[in-house]
Each structure stands twice: as structure tokens, then as C-alpha cells.
Amino acid sequence: MKKVFLSLAIVAALTVVSCKQAEGDAAAAAADSTATVVDSVATEAVETIDSTAAAATDSVEATAAEATEAVKEEVKK
């Protein structure tokens, strides 16, 4: 009877250890996929900010050019 109980205890201990390792592997895989998603979102955000900044710069330059022309016309009068 002692041998049966001991063998069941050993099997239970191995099962617990095995499950803990599987959970650790799953957590590592989840962390890797999360890092990949965060990296891609950050890249997209930087690209969006850059394109928005470029558009704003172009708009400001066009407005400044129009204002300069308007001032020159007023000065000529």
C-alpha cells in the first residue's frame, strides 16, 4: 500500500511540475506576441505622426507664401 501511495505522489508531483512549465512557455509566447503587436503599433503611430507633420508643414508653408504675397500687394498700394 505504501508503494502505491508513493507512486501516486510521484506521478502527482511530476504532473504539477509539467503543468507549471507549460504555463511558463505559454506566458513567454504571449509576451512575445504582445511585444510584436506593440512594436507594429508603435511603428504605425510614428509613420502617421510623420505624415501628419509633413502635411502640416506643407500647409503652413503654403499659407505663409500666400500671406507674404498679400503683404507685398498691400505694400505696393
N, C-alpha and C. Protein backbone atom coordinates (compact mmCIF):
# COMPACT_ATOMS: atom_id res chain seq x y z
N MET A 1 0.82 -1.19 0.00
CA MET A 1 0.00 0.00 0.00
C MET A 1 0.87 1.26 0.00
N LYS A 2 1.97 1.20 0.74
CA LYS A 2 2.86 2.35 0.79
C LYS A 2 3.45 2.63 -0.60
N LYS A 3 3.76 1.59 -1.33
CA LYS A 3 4.34 1.76 -2.67
C LYS A 3 3.33 2.40 -3.62
N VAL A 4 2.08 2.03 -3.53
CA VAL A 4 1.04 2.61 -4.38
C VAL A 4 0.88 4.09 -4.07
N PHE A 5 0.81 4.41 -2.78
CA PHE A 5 0.67 5.80 -2.37
C PHE A 5 1.88 6.62 -2.82
N LEU A 6 3.08 6.07 -2.64
CA LEU A 6 4.30 6.76 -3.05
C LEU A 6 4.34 6.97 -4.56
N SER A 7 3.95 5.97 -5.32
CA SER A 7 3.96 6.12 -6.78
C SER A 7 2.93 7.15 -7.24
N LEU A 8 1.76 7.19 -6.59
CA LEU A 8 0.76 8.22 -6.92
C LEU A 8 1.27 9.62 -6.57
N ALA A 9 1.98 9.74 -5.46
CA ALA A 9 2.53 11.04 -5.08
C ALA A 9 3.58 11.50 -6.09
N ILE A 10 4.39 10.56 -6.56
CA ILE A 10 5.41 10.91 -7.56
C ILE A 10 4.76 11.34 -8.87
N VAL A 11 3.74 10.62 -9.30
CA VAL A 11 3.02 10.98 -10.53
C VAL A 11 2.37 12.36 -10.39
N ALA A 12 1.78 12.63 -9.23
CA ALA A 12 1.15 13.93 -9.00
C ALA A 12 2.18 15.05 -9.03
N ALA A 13 3.34 14.81 -8.42
CA ALA A 13 4.39 15.83 -8.41
C ALA A 13 4.90 16.10 -9.82
N LEU A 14 5.09 15.07 -10.60
CA LEU A 14 5.53 15.26 -11.99
C LEU A 14 4.50 16.00 -12.82
N THR A 15 3.23 15.73 -12.56
CA THR A 15 2.16 16.42 -13.29
C THR A 15 2.16 17.91 -12.97
N VAL A 16 2.33 18.24 -11.68
CA VAL A 16 2.35 19.65 -11.27
C VAL A 16 3.54 20.36 -11.91
N VAL A 17 4.70 19.73 -11.88
CA VAL A 17 5.90 20.35 -12.47
C VAL A 17 5.71 20.53 -13.97
N SER A 18 5.15 19.53 -14.62
CA SER A 18 4.92 19.61 -16.06
C SER A 18 3.96 20.73 -16.42
N CYS A 19 2.90 20.89 -15.65
CA CYS A 19 1.91 21.94 -15.92
C CYS A 19 2.50 23.33 -15.70
N LYS A 20 3.35 23.47 -14.67
CA LYS A 20 3.97 24.77 -14.42
C LYS A 20 4.88 25.17 -15.57
N GLN A 21 5.61 24.20 -16.14
CA GLN A 21 6.47 24.50 -17.28
C GLN A 21 5.65 24.89 -18.49
N ALA A 22 4.52 24.25 -18.70
CA ALA A 22 3.67 24.57 -19.84
C ALA A 22 3.09 25.97 -19.70
N GLU A 23 2.72 26.35 -18.47
CA GLU A 23 2.19 27.70 -18.24
C GLU A 23 3.27 28.75 -18.49
N GLY A 24 4.50 28.44 -18.08
CA GLY A 24 5.61 29.37 -18.31
C GLY A 24 5.89 29.55 -19.79
N ASP A 25 5.82 28.47 -20.56
CA ASP A 25 6.02 28.55 -22.01
C ASP A 25 4.91 29.36 -22.67
N ALA A 26 3.68 29.15 -22.21
CA ALA A 26 2.55 29.90 -22.77
C ALA A 26 2.67 31.39 -22.46
N ALA A 27 3.12 31.69 -21.24
CA ALA A 27 3.29 33.10 -20.87
C ALA A 27 4.39 33.75 -21.70
N ALA A 28 5.46 33.03 -21.95
CA ALA A 28 6.55 33.57 -22.77
C ALA A 28 6.08 33.81 -24.20
N ALA A 29 5.29 32.89 -24.73
CA ALA A 29 4.77 33.06 -26.09
C ALA A 29 3.82 34.25 -26.15
N ALA A 30 2.99 34.41 -25.13
CA ALA A 30 2.07 35.56 -25.10
C ALA A 30 2.84 36.87 -25.00
N ALA A 31 3.90 36.88 -24.21
CA ALA A 31 4.71 38.09 -24.09
C ALA A 31 5.37 38.44 -25.41
N ASP A 32 5.86 37.42 -26.13
CA ASP A 32 6.49 37.67 -27.43
C ASP A 32 5.50 38.23 -28.43
N SER A 33 4.29 37.66 -28.47
CA SER A 33 3.30 38.16 -29.42
C SER A 33 2.84 39.56 -29.04
N THR A 34 2.74 39.84 -27.75
CA THR A 34 2.37 41.18 -27.31
C THR A 34 3.43 42.19 -27.70
N ALA A 35 4.68 41.82 -27.54
CA ALA A 35 5.78 42.71 -27.92
C ALA A 35 5.76 42.99 -29.42
N THR A 36 5.44 42.00 -30.20
CA THR A 36 5.35 42.18 -31.65
C THR A 36 4.23 43.14 -32.02
N VAL A 37 3.08 42.99 -31.37
CA VAL A 37 1.94 43.87 -31.65
C VAL A 37 2.27 45.30 -31.24
N VAL A 38 2.87 45.46 -30.07
CA VAL A 38 3.22 46.80 -29.59
C VAL A 38 4.22 47.45 -30.55
N ASP A 39 5.18 46.68 -31.02
CA ASP A 39 6.17 47.22 -31.95
C ASP A 39 5.53 47.67 -33.25
N SER A 40 4.61 46.87 -33.78
CA SER A 40 3.97 47.24 -35.05
C SER A 40 3.06 48.45 -34.86
N VAL A 41 2.37 48.54 -33.73
CA VAL A 41 1.51 49.70 -33.47
C VAL A 41 2.36 50.95 -33.30
N ALA A 42 3.48 50.82 -32.63
CA ALA A 42 4.36 51.98 -32.45
C ALA A 42 4.92 52.45 -33.79
N THR A 43 5.27 51.52 -34.66
CA THR A 43 5.77 51.87 -35.99
C THR A 43 4.70 52.60 -36.79
N GLU A 44 3.47 52.09 -36.74
CA GLU A 44 2.37 52.74 -37.45
C GLU A 44 2.11 54.14 -36.90
N ALA A 45 2.21 54.29 -35.58
CA ALA A 45 1.98 55.59 -34.96
C ALA A 45 3.04 56.59 -35.40
N VAL A 46 4.29 56.15 -35.45
CA VAL A 46 5.38 57.04 -35.89
C VAL A 46 5.17 57.45 -37.35
N GLU A 47 4.78 56.50 -38.19
CA GLU A 47 4.54 56.82 -39.59
C GLU A 47 3.38 57.80 -39.74
N THR A 48 2.33 57.62 -38.97
CA THR A 48 1.18 58.53 -39.02
C THR A 48 1.58 59.92 -38.55
N ILE A 49 2.33 59.99 -37.48
CA ILE A 49 2.78 61.29 -36.97
C ILE A 49 3.67 61.98 -38.00
N ASP A 50 4.57 61.23 -38.61
CA ASP A 50 5.45 61.83 -39.62
C ASP A 50 4.66 62.37 -40.82
N SER A 51 3.69 61.59 -41.29
CA SER A 51 2.91 62.06 -42.44
C SER A 51 2.05 63.26 -42.08
N THR A 52 1.50 63.26 -40.87
CA THR A 52 0.70 64.40 -40.41
C THR A 52 1.57 65.64 -40.27
N ALA A 53 2.76 65.47 -39.73
CA ALA A 53 3.68 66.60 -39.58
C ALA A 53 4.09 67.15 -40.95
N ALA A 54 4.32 66.27 -41.90
CA ALA A 54 4.69 66.72 -43.25
C ALA A 54 3.54 67.50 -43.89
N ALA A 55 2.32 67.00 -43.73
CA ALA A 55 1.16 67.70 -44.28
C ALA A 55 0.97 69.06 -43.61
N ALA A 56 1.16 69.12 -42.31
CA ALA A 56 1.02 70.39 -41.59
C ALA A 56 2.10 71.38 -42.03
N THR A 57 3.30 70.88 -42.23
CA THR A 57 4.39 71.75 -42.69
C THR A 57 4.09 72.31 -44.07
N ASP A 58 3.62 71.48 -44.96
CA ASP A 58 3.26 71.94 -46.30
C ASP A 58 2.16 72.99 -46.23
N SER A 59 1.17 72.75 -45.39
CA SER A 59 0.06 73.69 -45.25
C SER A 59 0.54 75.03 -44.70
N VAL A 60 1.41 74.99 -43.71
CA VAL A 60 1.94 76.22 -43.12
C VAL A 60 2.77 76.98 -44.14
N GLU A 61 3.58 76.26 -44.90
CA GLU A 61 4.41 76.91 -45.91
C GLU A 61 3.54 77.57 -46.98
N ALA A 62 2.48 76.89 -47.39
CA ALA A 62 1.59 77.47 -48.40
C ALA A 62 0.89 78.71 -47.86
N THR A 63 0.43 78.63 -46.62
CA THR A 63 -0.24 79.78 -46.01
C THR A 63 0.73 80.95 -45.84
N ALA A 64 1.96 80.67 -45.46
CA ALA A 64 2.97 81.71 -45.31
C ALA A 64 3.27 82.37 -46.65
N ALA A 65 3.33 81.57 -47.71
CA ALA A 65 3.58 82.14 -49.03
C ALA A 65 2.43 83.04 -49.46
N GLU A 66 1.20 82.61 -49.21
CA GLU A 66 0.04 83.43 -49.55
C GLU A 66 0.03 84.73 -48.75
N ALA A 67 0.37 84.64 -47.47
CA ALA A 67 0.40 85.83 -46.62
C ALA A 67 1.49 86.79 -47.09
N THR A 68 2.63 86.26 -47.50
CA THR A 68 3.72 87.10 -47.99
C THR A 68 3.30 87.83 -49.25
N GLU A 69 2.63 87.13 -50.13
CA GLU A 69 2.15 87.77 -51.36
C GLU A 69 1.12 88.85 -51.05
N ALA A 70 0.24 88.57 -50.09
CA ALA A 70 -0.79 89.54 -49.73
C ALA A 70 -0.15 90.80 -49.15
N VAL A 71 0.87 90.63 -48.32
CA VAL A 71 1.55 91.78 -47.73
C VAL A 71 2.26 92.58 -48.81
N LYS A 72 2.89 91.90 -49.76
CA LYS A 72 3.58 92.60 -50.85
C LYS A 72 2.58 93.41 -51.67
N GLU A 73 1.40 92.85 -51.91
CA GLU A 73 0.38 93.58 -52.67
C GLU A 73 -0.08 94.80 -51.90
N GLU A 74 -0.25 94.69 -50.60
CA GLU A 74 -0.67 95.84 -49.78
C GLU A 74 0.40 96.91 -49.73
N VAL A 75 1.66 96.51 -49.71
CA VAL A 75 2.76 97.46 -49.65
C VAL A 75 2.83 98.24 -50.97
N LYS A 76 2.54 97.58 -52.10
CA LYS A 76 2.59 98.24 -53.40
C LYS A 76 1.51 99.30 -53.54
N LYS A 77 0.41 99.16 -52.86
CA LYS A 77 -0.70 100.11 -52.98
C LYS A 77 -0.33 101.35 -52.29
